[in-house]
Amino acid sequence: MTDKTAPERFLKAGERLDDLCHRGRRLIQRPDAYCFAMDAVLLAHFPRWRPRDQVLDLGTGTGAIPLLMAEEVARVEAVELDGTLADMAARSVALNGLADRVIVRQGDYRAMERLFPGGRFDIVVANPPYYPLGQGKISPQAARSQARHEVTATLADVVRAARYALRPRGRLAMVHIPERLDEIFRAFGANGLAPRRACLVQPRADRPPNLVLVEAVAGSAAGHLKWVPTLNIYRPDGAYTPELLAIYGPESAASAPEKKG
């Protein structure tokens, strides 16, 4: 049960409570650090969840994805390198009364053998850094730079960690940018993952896609990729499209920026 009586006791100096607009859940964040964006919300709704699924969230940040899909699956484990973010995520789990469904641990998923010995997860989700070092301006704020640029983990590191954690026929769901789709597919192939579903996301119908959602299966044969209809975020008048609102509702749509930055 969500603790609605004294939520302030979960906060530390400089933190705030943000409304996830989902089952009354709130998320602890810092306005001067990394905050979740629409990327995470779209990813949380992309996989086809099953009640028995055991899920791992790689690089959970402040923990938005586990809070958005916790009731859909049996259990979520989330790992975050940054100790401050991991602590905020863990307190958000406690605040929302989800300690029986979500476990947050601080650690480096590049060392999966120590964190999670043996592949045991049905689904791994990942919202990794989009840009390699040397591309674009790196934020002086550590949490933001790690969320946007491959400061600590590369695309190859993410896919390798996911494959290690997955059971046979388990699925990796990831959000990334279309410009790196060729690299994504190469990383999948190098780690025994085959893409099965993909969806392009574009700001408006007359704009090029700026995000891609992709799902791959461990230990499956290639050649069965299905593209689902492209998701447009905005209508020509600037309002959110019915397709977006159908994913997570009008209140949630207004709660997050379009893309992490």
C-alpha atoms as a PDB file:
ATOM      1  CA  MET A   1       0.000   0.000   0.000  1.00  0.00           C
ATOM      2  CA  THR A   2       1.244   3.492  -0.828  1.00  0.00           C
ATOM      3  CA  ASP A   3       2.226   5.521   2.238  1.00  0.00           C
ATOM      4  CA  LYS A   4       0.036   8.622   1.859  1.00  0.00           C
ATOM      5  CA  THR A   5       0.283   9.840   5.424  1.00  0.00           C
ATOM      6  CA  ALA A   6       3.835  11.186   5.616  1.00  0.00           C
ATOM      7  CA  PRO A   7       5.571  11.002   2.234  1.00  0.00           C
ATOM      8  CA  GLU A   8       7.989  13.749   3.248  1.00  0.00           C
ATOM      9  CA  ARG A   9       9.771  11.328   5.578  1.00  0.00           C
ATOM     10  CA  PHE A  10      11.118   9.554   2.494  1.00  0.00           C
ATOM     11  CA  LEU A  11      12.734  12.731   1.138  1.00  0.00           C
ATOM     12  CA  LYS A  12      16.235  14.072   1.631  1.00  0.00           C
ATOM     13  CA  ALA A  13      17.436  17.656   1.161  1.00  0.00           C
ATOM     14  CA  GLY A  14      16.980  18.973  -2.385  1.00  0.00           C
ATOM     15  CA  GLU A  15      14.578  16.209  -3.446  1.00  0.00           C
ATOM     16  CA  ARG A  16      10.986  16.403  -4.623  1.00  0.00           C
ATOM     17  CA  LEU A  17       8.066  14.022  -5.208  1.00  0.00           C
ATOM     18  CA  ASP A  18       6.899  13.732  -8.832  1.00  0.00           C
ATOM     19  CA  ASP A  19       3.524  12.265  -9.755  1.00  0.00           C
ATOM     20  CA  LEU A  20       3.819   9.286 -12.122  1.00  0.00           C
ATOM     21  CA  CYS A  21       0.083   9.586 -12.895  1.00  0.00           C
ATOM     22  CA  HIS A  22      -0.132   5.814 -12.567  1.00  0.00           C
ATOM     23  CA  ARG A  23      -2.049   4.176  -9.728  1.00  0.00           C
ATOM     24  CA  GLY A  24      -1.267   7.142  -7.497  1.00  0.00           C
ATOM     25  CA  ARG A  25       2.440   6.384  -7.495  1.00  0.00           C
ATOM     26  CA  ARG A  26       5.068   9.036  -6.849  1.00  0.00           C
ATOM     27  CA  LEU A  27       8.744   9.149  -7.673  1.00  0.00           C
ATOM     28  CA  ILE A  28      11.559  10.745  -5.673  1.00  0.00           C
ATOM     29  CA  GLN A  29      13.808  12.890  -7.878  1.00  0.00           C
ATOM     30  CA  ARG A  30      16.180  15.835  -7.748  1.00  0.00           C
ATOM     31  CA  PRO A  31      15.567  18.748 -10.149  1.00  0.00           C
ATOM     32  CA  ASP A  32      19.327  19.295 -10.465  1.00  0.00           C
ATOM     33  CA  ALA A  33      20.032  15.665 -11.419  1.00  0.00           C
ATOM     34  CA  TYR A  34      18.799  13.106 -13.942  1.00  0.00           C
ATOM     35  CA  CYS A  35      14.991  12.859 -14.122  1.00  0.00           C
ATOM     36  CA  PHE A  36      12.930  10.309 -16.015  1.00  0.00           C
ATOM     37  CA  ALA A  37      11.446  11.232 -19.390  1.00  0.00           C
ATOM     38  CA  MET A  38       8.940   9.929 -21.901  1.00  0.00           C
ATOM     39  CA  ASP A  39      11.488   7.365 -23.132  1.00  0.00           C
ATOM     40  CA  ALA A  40      11.088   5.420 -19.893  1.00  0.00           C
ATOM     41  CA  VAL A  41       7.297   5.583 -19.989  1.00  0.00           C
ATOM     42  CA  LEU A  42       7.165   4.292 -23.568  1.00  0.00           C
ATOM     43  CA  LEU A  43       9.551   1.462 -22.725  1.00  0.00           C
ATOM     44  CA  ALA A  44       7.522   0.451 -19.673  1.00  0.00           C
ATOM     45  CA  HIS A  45       4.490  -0.050 -21.932  1.00  0.00           C
ATOM     46  CA  PHE A  46       6.221  -1.696 -24.898  1.00  0.00           C
ATOM     47  CA  PRO A  47       6.727  -5.341 -23.827  1.00  0.00           C
ATOM     48  CA  ARG A  48       3.845  -7.768 -23.630  1.00  0.00           C
ATOM     49  CA  TRP A  49       3.983  -8.475 -19.921  1.00  0.00           C
ATOM     50  CA  ARG A  50       2.892 -11.781 -18.396  1.00  0.00           C
ATOM     51  CA  PRO A  51       1.892 -12.237 -14.734  1.00  0.00           C
ATOM     52  CA  ARG A  52       4.642 -14.828 -14.159  1.00  0.00           C
ATOM     53  CA  ASP A  53       7.484 -12.728 -15.623  1.00  0.00           C
ATOM     54  CA  GLN A  54      10.655 -12.106 -13.636  1.00  0.00           C
ATOM     55  CA  VAL A  55      12.034  -8.765 -14.892  1.00  0.00           C
ATOM     56  CA  LEU A  56      15.397  -7.009 -14.638  1.00  0.00           C
ATOM     57  CA  ASP A  57      15.762  -3.254 -15.282  1.00  0.00           C
ATOM     58  CA  LEU A  58      19.316  -2.332 -16.277  1.00  0.00           C
ATOM     59  CA  GLY A  59      20.328   1.180 -15.223  1.00  0.00           C
ATOM     60  CA  THR A  60      17.036   2.005 -13.514  1.00  0.00           C
ATOM     61  CA  GLY A  61      17.950   5.622 -12.659  1.00  0.00           C
ATOM     62  CA  THR A  62      15.354   6.907 -10.210  1.00  0.00           C
ATOM     63  CA  GLY A  63      13.245   3.776 -10.708  1.00  0.00           C
ATOM     64  CA  ALA A  64      10.407   4.997 -12.926  1.00  0.00           C
ATOM     65  CA  ILE A  65      10.125   1.871 -15.085  1.00  0.00           C
ATOM     66  CA  PRO A  66       9.659  -0.615 -12.201  1.00  0.00           C
ATOM     67  CA  LEU A  67       7.008   1.620 -10.652  1.00  0.00           C
ATOM     68  CA  LEU A  68       5.123   1.843 -13.954  1.00  0.00           C
ATOM     69  CA  MET A  69       4.915  -1.901 -14.616  1.00  0.00           C
ATOM     70  CA  ALA A  70       5.208  -3.555 -11.192  1.00  0.00           C
ATOM     71  CA  GLU A  71       1.622  -4.808 -11.095  1.00  0.00           C
ATOM     72  CA  GLU A  72       1.941  -6.464 -14.519  1.00  0.00           C
ATOM     73  CA  VAL A  73       4.580  -9.053 -13.529  1.00  0.00           C
ATOM     74  CA  ALA A  74       5.629 -11.308 -10.656  1.00  0.00           C
ATOM     75  CA  ARG A  75       8.787  -9.447  -9.638  1.00  0.00           C
ATOM     76  CA  VAL A  76      11.162  -6.693 -10.785  1.00  0.00           C
ATOM     77  CA  GLU A  77      14.820  -6.389  -9.859  1.00  0.00           C
ATOM     78  CA  ALA A  78      16.523  -3.128 -10.761  1.00  0.00           C
ATOM     79  CA  VAL A  79      20.212  -2.253 -10.808  1.00  0.00           C
ATOM     80  CA  GLU A  80      21.758   1.219 -10.860  1.00  0.00           C
ATOM     81  CA  LEU A  81      25.447   2.206 -10.844  1.00  0.00           C
ATOM     82  CA  ASP A  82      24.978   5.645  -9.281  1.00  0.00           C
ATOM     83  CA  GLY A  83      24.536   5.237  -5.535  1.00  0.00           C
ATOM     84  CA  THR A  84      22.496   8.428  -5.132  1.00  0.00           C
ATOM     85  CA  LEU A  85      20.022   7.411  -7.829  1.00  0.00           C
ATOM     86  CA  ALA A  86      19.814   3.847  -6.516  1.00  0.00           C
ATOM     87  CA  ASP A  87      18.991   5.207  -3.064  1.00  0.00           C
ATOM     88  CA  MET A  88      16.234   7.445  -4.459  1.00  0.00           C
ATOM     89  CA  ALA A  89      14.798   4.517  -6.434  1.00  0.00           C
ATOM     90  CA  ALA A  90      14.780   2.266  -3.372  1.00  0.00           C
ATOM     91  CA  ARG A  91      13.027   4.907  -1.280  1.00  0.00           C
ATOM     92  CA  SER A  92      10.449   5.401  -4.057  1.00  0.00           C
ATOM     93  CA  VAL A  93       9.743   1.673  -3.958  1.00  0.00           C
ATOM     94  CA  ALA A  94       9.199   1.872  -0.197  1.00  0.00           C
ATOM     95  CA  LEU A  95       7.074   5.023  -0.505  1.00  0.00           C
ATOM     96  CA  ASN A  96       4.760   3.277  -2.964  1.00  0.00           C
ATOM     97  CA  GLY A  97       4.496   0.096  -0.918  1.00  0.00           C
ATOM     98  CA  LEU A  98       6.086  -2.115  -3.578  1.00  0.00           C
ATOM     99  CA  ALA A  99       8.884  -3.744  -1.588  1.00  0.00           C
ATOM    100  CA  ASP A 100       7.282  -7.157  -2.150  1.00  0.00           C
ATOM    101  CA  ARG A 101       7.458  -6.703  -5.945  1.00  0.00           C
ATOM    102  CA  VAL A 102      10.487  -4.507  -6.646  1.00  0.00           C
ATOM    103  CA  ILE A 103      14.080  -4.806  -5.412  1.00  0.00           C
ATOM    104  CA  VAL A 104      16.644  -2.089  -6.184  1.00  0.00           C
ATOM    105  CA  ARG A 105      20.361  -2.707  -5.795  1.00  0.00           C
ATOM    106  CA  GLN A 106      23.346  -0.479  -6.418  1.00  0.00           C
ATOM    107  CA  GLY A 107      25.906  -2.076  -8.697  1.00  0.00           C
ATOM    108  CA  ASP A 108      27.629  -2.221 -12.077  1.00  0.00           C
ATOM    109  CA  TYR A 109      25.813  -4.359 -14.612  1.00  0.00           C
ATOM    110  CA  ARG A 110      29.053  -4.776 -16.520  1.00  0.00           C
ATOM    111  CA  ALA A 111      29.837  -7.288 -13.752  1.00  0.00           C
ATOM    112  CA  MET A 112      26.644  -9.335 -14.076  1.00  0.00           C
ATOM    113  CA  GLU A 113      28.347 -12.544 -12.939  1.00  0.00           C
ATOM    114  CA  ARG A 114      28.673 -11.056  -9.450  1.00  0.00           C
ATOM    115  CA  LEU A 115      25.340  -9.250  -9.357  1.00  0.00           C
ATOM    116  CA  PHE A 116      23.063 -11.939 -10.796  1.00  0.00           C
ATOM    117  CA  PRO A 117      24.796 -15.327 -11.137  1.00  0.00           C
ATOM    118  CA  GLY A 118      23.236 -17.294 -13.996  1.00  0.00           C
ATOM    119  CA  GLY A 119      20.516 -16.251 -16.424  1.00  0.00           C
ATOM    120  CA  ARG A 120      17.137 -16.334 -14.714  1.00  0.00           C
ATOM    121  CA  PHE A 121      15.064 -13.427 -16.020  1.00  0.00           C
ATOM    122  CA  ASP A 122      12.175 -13.647 -18.465  1.00  0.00           C
ATOM    123  CA  ILE A 123      12.552 -10.013 -19.578  1.00  0.00           C
ATOM    124  CA  VAL A 124      15.324  -7.442 -19.330  1.00  0.00           C
ATOM    125  CA  VAL A 125      14.476  -3.790 -20.001  1.00  0.00           C
ATOM    126  CA  ALA A 126      17.070  -1.117 -20.743  1.00  0.00           C
ATOM    127  CA  ASN A 127      17.001   2.617 -21.398  1.00  0.00           C
ATOM    128  CA  PRO A 128      20.757   3.039 -21.974  1.00  0.00           C
ATOM    129  CA  PRO A 129      22.824   6.100 -22.901  1.00  0.00           C
ATOM    130  CA  TYR A 130      22.145   7.070 -26.507  1.00  0.00           C
ATOM    131  CA  TYR A 131      25.389   8.718 -27.557  1.00  0.00           C
ATOM    132  CA  PRO A 132      28.993   7.489 -27.657  1.00  0.00           C
ATOM    133  CA  LEU A 133      31.717   9.638 -26.161  1.00  0.00           C
ATOM    134  CA  GLY A 134      32.795  12.387 -28.525  1.00  0.00           C
ATOM    135  CA  GLN A 135      29.319  12.969 -29.910  1.00  0.00           C
ATOM    136  CA  GLY A 136      27.536  16.009 -28.508  1.00  0.00           C
ATOM    137  CA  LYS A 137      28.186  18.016 -25.370  1.00  0.00           C
ATOM    138  CA  ILE A 138      28.652  16.055 -22.167  1.00  0.00           C
ATOM    139  CA  SER A 139      26.822  17.406 -19.127  1.00  0.00           C
ATOM    140  CA  PRO A 140      29.040  18.428 -16.180  1.00  0.00           C
ATOM    141  CA  GLN A 141      26.457  16.773 -13.905  1.00  0.00           C
ATOM    142  CA  ALA A 142      27.547  13.135 -13.494  1.00  0.00           C
ATOM    143  CA  ALA A 143      24.106  11.501 -13.408  1.00  0.00           C
ATOM    144  CA  ARG A 144      22.941  13.389 -16.501  1.00  0.00           C
ATOM    145  CA  SER A 145      26.117  12.662 -18.442  1.00  0.00           C
ATOM    146  CA  GLN A 146      25.872   8.947 -17.624  1.00  0.00           C
ATOM    147  CA  ALA A 147      22.234   8.861 -18.733  1.00  0.00           C
ATOM    148  CA  ARG A 148      22.925  10.557 -22.068  1.00  0.00           C
ATOM    149  CA  HIS A 149      26.471   9.486 -23.013  1.00  0.00           C
ATOM    150  CA  GLU A 150      28.326   6.172 -22.788  1.00  0.00           C
ATOM    151  CA  VAL A 151      30.503   7.407 -19.955  1.00  0.00           C
ATOM    152  CA  THR A 152      30.367   4.171 -17.966  1.00  0.00           C
ATOM    153  CA  ALA A 153      28.661   1.587 -20.215  1.00  0.00           C
ATOM    154  CA  THR A 154      28.525   1.163 -23.989  1.00  0.00           C
ATOM    155  CA  LEU A 155      25.760  -0.257 -26.144  1.00  0.00           C
ATOM    156  CA  ALA A 156      27.738  -3.499 -26.341  1.00  0.00           C
ATOM    157  CA  ASP A 157      27.993  -3.614 -22.534  1.00  0.00           C
ATOM    158  CA  VAL A 158      24.213  -3.241 -22.188  1.00  0.00           C
ATOM    159  CA  VAL A 159      23.379  -5.993 -24.664  1.00  0.00           C
ATOM    160  CA  ARG A 160      26.014  -8.333 -23.232  1.00  0.00           C
ATOM    161  CA  ALA A 161      24.684  -7.834 -19.695  1.00  0.00           C
ATOM    162  CA  ALA A 162      21.113  -8.394 -20.822  1.00  0.00           C
ATOM    163  CA  ARG A 163      21.996 -11.621 -22.621  1.00  0.00           C
ATOM    164  CA  TYR A 164      23.799 -12.968 -19.572  1.00  0.00           C
ATOM    165  CA  ALA A 165      20.770 -12.249 -17.374  1.00  0.00           C
ATOM    166  CA  LEU A 166      18.168 -13.798 -19.705  1.00  0.00           C
ATOM    167  CA  ARG A 167      16.979 -17.359 -19.584  1.00  0.00           C
ATOM    168  CA  PRO A 168      16.672 -19.195 -22.938  1.00  0.00           C
ATOM    169  CA  ARG A 169      13.913 -17.561 -25.018  1.00  0.00           C
ATOM    170  CA  GLY A 170      13.888 -14.595 -22.644  1.00  0.00           C
ATOM    171  CA  ARG A 171      13.360 -11.126 -24.099  1.00  0.00           C
ATOM    172  CA  LEU A 172      15.298  -7.865 -24.092  1.00  0.00           C
ATOM    173  CA  ALA A 173      13.240  -4.680 -24.544  1.00  0.00           C
ATOM    174  CA  MET A 174      15.163  -1.476 -25.175  1.00  0.00           C
ATOM    175  CA  VAL A 175      14.597   2.136 -26.175  1.00  0.00           C
ATOM    176  CA  HIS A 176      17.297   3.871 -28.196  1.00  0.00           C
ATOM    177  CA  ILE A 177      17.773   6.201 -31.174  1.00  0.00           C
ATOM    178  CA  PRO A 178      17.227   5.107 -34.797  1.00  0.00           C
ATOM    179  CA  GLU A 179      20.645   6.382 -35.873  1.00  0.00           C
ATOM    180  CA  ARG A 180      22.234   3.460 -34.039  1.00  0.00           C
ATOM    181  CA  LEU A 181      19.825   0.746 -35.119  1.00  0.00           C
ATOM    182  CA  ASP A 182      22.482  -0.968 -37.236  1.00  0.00           C
ATOM    183  CA  GLU A 183      24.780  -1.136 -34.197  1.00  0.00           C
ATOM    184  CA  ILE A 184      21.938  -2.437 -32.060  1.00  0.00           C
ATOM    185  CA  PHE A 185      21.224  -5.275 -34.464  1.00  0.00           C
ATOM    186  CA  ARG A 186      24.925  -6.146 -34.713  1.00  0.00           C
ATOM    187  CA  ALA A 187      25.170  -6.254 -30.917  1.00  0.00           C
ATOM    188  CA  PHE A 188      22.114  -8.499 -30.810  1.00  0.00           C
ATOM    189  CA  GLY A 189      23.643 -10.889 -33.308  1.00  0.00           C
ATOM    190  CA  ALA A 190      26.974 -10.991 -31.473  1.00  0.00           C
ATOM    191  CA  ASN A 191      25.180 -12.008 -28.274  1.00  0.00           C
ATOM    192  CA  GLY A 192      22.708 -14.557 -29.613  1.00  0.00           C
ATOM    193  CA  LEU A 193      19.677 -12.258 -29.614  1.00  0.00           C
ATOM    194  CA  ALA A 194      17.255 -11.972 -32.535  1.00  0.00           C
ATOM    195  CA  PRO A 195      15.070  -8.858 -32.997  1.00  0.00           C
ATOM    196  CA  ARG A 196      11.362  -9.699 -32.992  1.00  0.00           C
ATOM    197  CA  ARG A 197       9.389  -6.447 -32.592  1.00  0.00           C
ATOM    198  CA  ALA A 198      10.290  -2.829 -33.292  1.00  0.00           C
ATOM    199  CA  CYS A 199       8.477   0.496 -33.262  1.00  0.00           C
ATOM    200  CA  LEU A 200       9.667   3.876 -34.481  1.00  0.00           C
ATOM    201  CA  VAL A 201       8.643   6.962 -32.503  1.00  0.00           C
ATOM    202  CA  GLN A 202       8.465  10.366 -34.141  1.00  0.00           C
ATOM    203  CA  PRO A 203       7.523  13.745 -32.673  1.00  0.00           C
ATOM    204  CA  ARG A 204       5.052  14.484 -35.500  1.00  0.00           C
ATOM    205  CA  ALA A 205       3.988  12.780 -38.713  1.00  0.00           C
ATOM    206  CA  ASP A 206       6.092  15.217 -40.751  1.00  0.00           C
ATOM    207  CA  ARG A 207       9.237  14.746 -38.637  1.00  0.00           C
ATOM    208  CA  PRO A 208      11.799  11.924 -38.794  1.00  0.00           C
ATOM    209  CA  PRO A 209      11.767   9.346 -35.983  1.00  0.00           C
ATOM    210  CA  ASN A 210      13.875  10.222 -32.951  1.00  0.00           C
ATOM    211  CA  LEU A 211      13.356   7.047 -30.888  1.00  0.00           C
ATOM    212  CA  VAL A 212      13.051   3.338 -31.557  1.00  0.00           C
ATOM    213  CA  LEU A 213      11.627   0.644 -29.294  1.00  0.00           C
ATOM    214  CA  VAL A 214      12.948  -2.827 -29.998  1.00  0.00           C
ATOM    215  CA  GLU A 215      12.432  -6.275 -28.492  1.00  0.00           C
ATOM    216  CA  ALA A 216      14.765  -9.246 -29.075  1.00  0.00           C
ATOM    217  CA  VAL A 217      14.599 -12.922 -28.090  1.00  0.00           C
ATOM    218  CA  ALA A 218      17.523 -14.897 -26.650  1.00  0.00           C
ATOM    219  CA  GLY A 219      18.565 -18.007 -28.542  1.00  0.00           C
ATOM    220  CA  SER A 220      16.108 -17.538 -31.393  1.00  0.00           C
ATOM    221  CA  ALA A 221      16.691 -17.574 -35.139  1.00  0.00           C
ATOM    222  CA  ALA A 222      16.916 -14.264 -36.993  1.00  0.00           C
ATOM    223  CA  GLY A 223      14.587 -13.225 -39.792  1.00  0.00           C
ATOM    224  CA  HIS A 224      11.271 -12.709 -37.994  1.00  0.00           C
ATOM    225  CA  LEU A 225      11.311  -9.003 -37.159  1.00  0.00           C
ATOM    226  CA  LYS A 226       7.878  -7.374 -37.050  1.00  0.00           C
ATOM    227  CA  TRP A 227       7.556  -3.587 -37.299  1.00  0.00           C
ATOM    228  CA  VAL A 228       4.554  -2.308 -35.402  1.00  0.00           C
ATOM    229  CA  PRO A 229       2.913   0.965 -36.536  1.00  0.00           C
ATOM    230  CA  THR A 230       5.011   4.093 -36.000  1.00  0.00           C
ATOM    231  CA  LEU A 231       3.988   6.055 -32.920  1.00  0.00           C
ATOM    232  CA  ASN A 232       3.475   9.798 -33.386  1.00  0.00           C
ATOM    233  CA  ILE A 233       3.684  11.880 -30.215  1.00  0.00           C
ATOM    234  CA  TYR A 234       2.023  15.140 -31.324  1.00  0.00           C
ATOM    235  CA  ARG A 235      -0.838  16.086 -33.607  1.00  0.00           C
ATOM    236  CA  PRO A 236      -0.368  19.049 -35.979  1.00  0.00           C
ATOM    237  CA  ASP A 237      -2.022  21.345 -33.410  1.00  0.00           C
ATOM    238  CA  GLY A 238       0.557  20.376 -30.775  1.00  0.00           C
ATOM    239  CA  ALA A 239      -1.746  18.164 -28.696  1.00  0.00           C
ATOM    240  CA  TYR A 240      -0.845  14.575 -27.943  1.00  0.00           C
ATOM    241  CA  THR A 241      -2.091  11.976 -30.428  1.00  0.00           C
ATOM    242  CA  PRO A 242      -4.812   9.457 -29.506  1.00  0.00           C
ATOM    243  CA  GLU A 243      -2.225   6.696 -30.013  1.00  0.00           C
ATOM    244  CA  LEU A 244       0.012   8.170 -27.331  1.00  0.00           C
ATOM    245  CA  LEU A 245      -2.835   8.838 -24.926  1.00  0.00           C
ATOM    246  CA  ALA A 246      -4.017   5.250 -25.358  1.00  0.00           C
ATOM    247  CA  ILE A 247      -0.685   4.025 -24.012  1.00  0.00           C
ATOM    248  CA  TYR A 248      -0.753   5.709 -20.648  1.00  0.00           C
ATOM    249  CA  GLY A 249      -3.462   8.316 -20.419  1.00  0.00           C
ATOM    250  CA  PRO A 250      -3.723  12.110 -20.696  1.00  0.00           C
ATOM    251  CA  GLU A 251      -2.404  12.874 -17.211  1.00  0.00           C
ATOM    252  CA  SER A 252       0.720  10.773 -17.680  1.00  0.00           C
ATOM    253  CA  ALA A 253       1.320  12.272 -21.108  1.00  0.00           C
ATOM    254  CA  ALA A 254       1.610  15.696 -19.539  1.00  0.00           C
ATOM    255  CA  SER A 255       3.992  14.537 -16.807  1.00  0.00           C
ATOM    256  CA  ALA A 256       7.208  13.767 -18.703  1.00  0.00           C
ATOM    257  CA  PRO A 257       9.376  15.518 -21.293  1.00  0.00           C
ATOM    258  CA  GLU A 258       9.611  13.924 -24.699  1.00  0.00           C
ATOM    259  CA  LYS A 259      13.145  12.591 -24.469  1.00  0.00           C
ATOM    260  CA  LYS A 260      15.893  12.341 -21.902  1.00  0.00           C
ATOM    261  CA  GLY A 261      18.502  15.042 -22.225  1.00  0.00           C
END
